[in-house]
Amino acid sequence: GPQELERFGKELDEVSRKIAETEE
């Protein structure tokens, strides 16, 4: 449902930030 998708998006955003910090 929408909630699952929203939660997935938030997790994906956190992962993207971690990756960005690692690449730095």
C-alpha atoms as a PDB file:
ATOM      1  CA  GLY A   1       0.000   0.000   0.000  1.00  0.00           C
ATOM      2  CA  PRO A   2       0.941   3.710  -0.030  1.00  0.00           C
ATOM      3  CA  GLN A   3       2.459   3.477   3.452  1.00  0.00           C
ATOM      4  CA  GLU A   4       4.799   0.676   2.398  1.00  0.00           C
ATOM      5  CA  LEU A   5       5.880   2.686  -0.645  1.00  0.00           C
ATOM      6  CA  GLU A   6       6.477   5.795   1.474  1.00  0.00           C
ATOM      7  CA  ARG A   7       8.506   3.781   3.973  1.00  0.00           C
ATOM      8  CA  PHE A   8      10.545   2.269   1.152  1.00  0.00           C
ATOM      9  CA  GLY A   9      11.235   5.737  -0.224  1.00  0.00           C
ATOM     10  CA  LYS A  10      12.474   6.960   3.144  1.00  0.00           C
ATOM     11  CA  GLU A  11      14.762   3.960   3.548  1.00  0.00           C
ATOM     12  CA  LEU A  12      16.065   4.457   0.017  1.00  0.00           C
ATOM     13  CA  ASP A  13      16.778   8.115   0.781  1.00  0.00           C
ATOM     14  CA  GLU A  14      18.757   7.187   3.890  1.00  0.00           C
ATOM     15  CA  VAL A  15      20.756   4.623   1.932  1.00  0.00           C
ATOM     16  CA  SER A  16      21.459   7.192  -0.785  1.00  0.00           C
ATOM     17  CA  ARG A  17      22.763   9.632   1.828  1.00  0.00           C
ATOM     18  CA  LYS A  18      25.029   6.985   3.344  1.00  0.00           C
ATOM     19  CA  ILE A  19      26.383   6.135  -0.106  1.00  0.00           C
ATOM     20  CA  ALA A  20      26.984   9.819  -0.835  1.00  0.00           C
ATOM     21  CA  GLU A  21      28.907  10.196   2.418  1.00  0.00           C
ATOM     22  CA  THR A  22      30.972   7.116   1.591  1.00  0.00           C
ATOM     23  CA  GLU A  23      31.819   8.368  -1.898  1.00  0.00           C
ATOM     24  CA  GLU A  24      32.962  11.661  -0.406  1.00  0.00           C
END
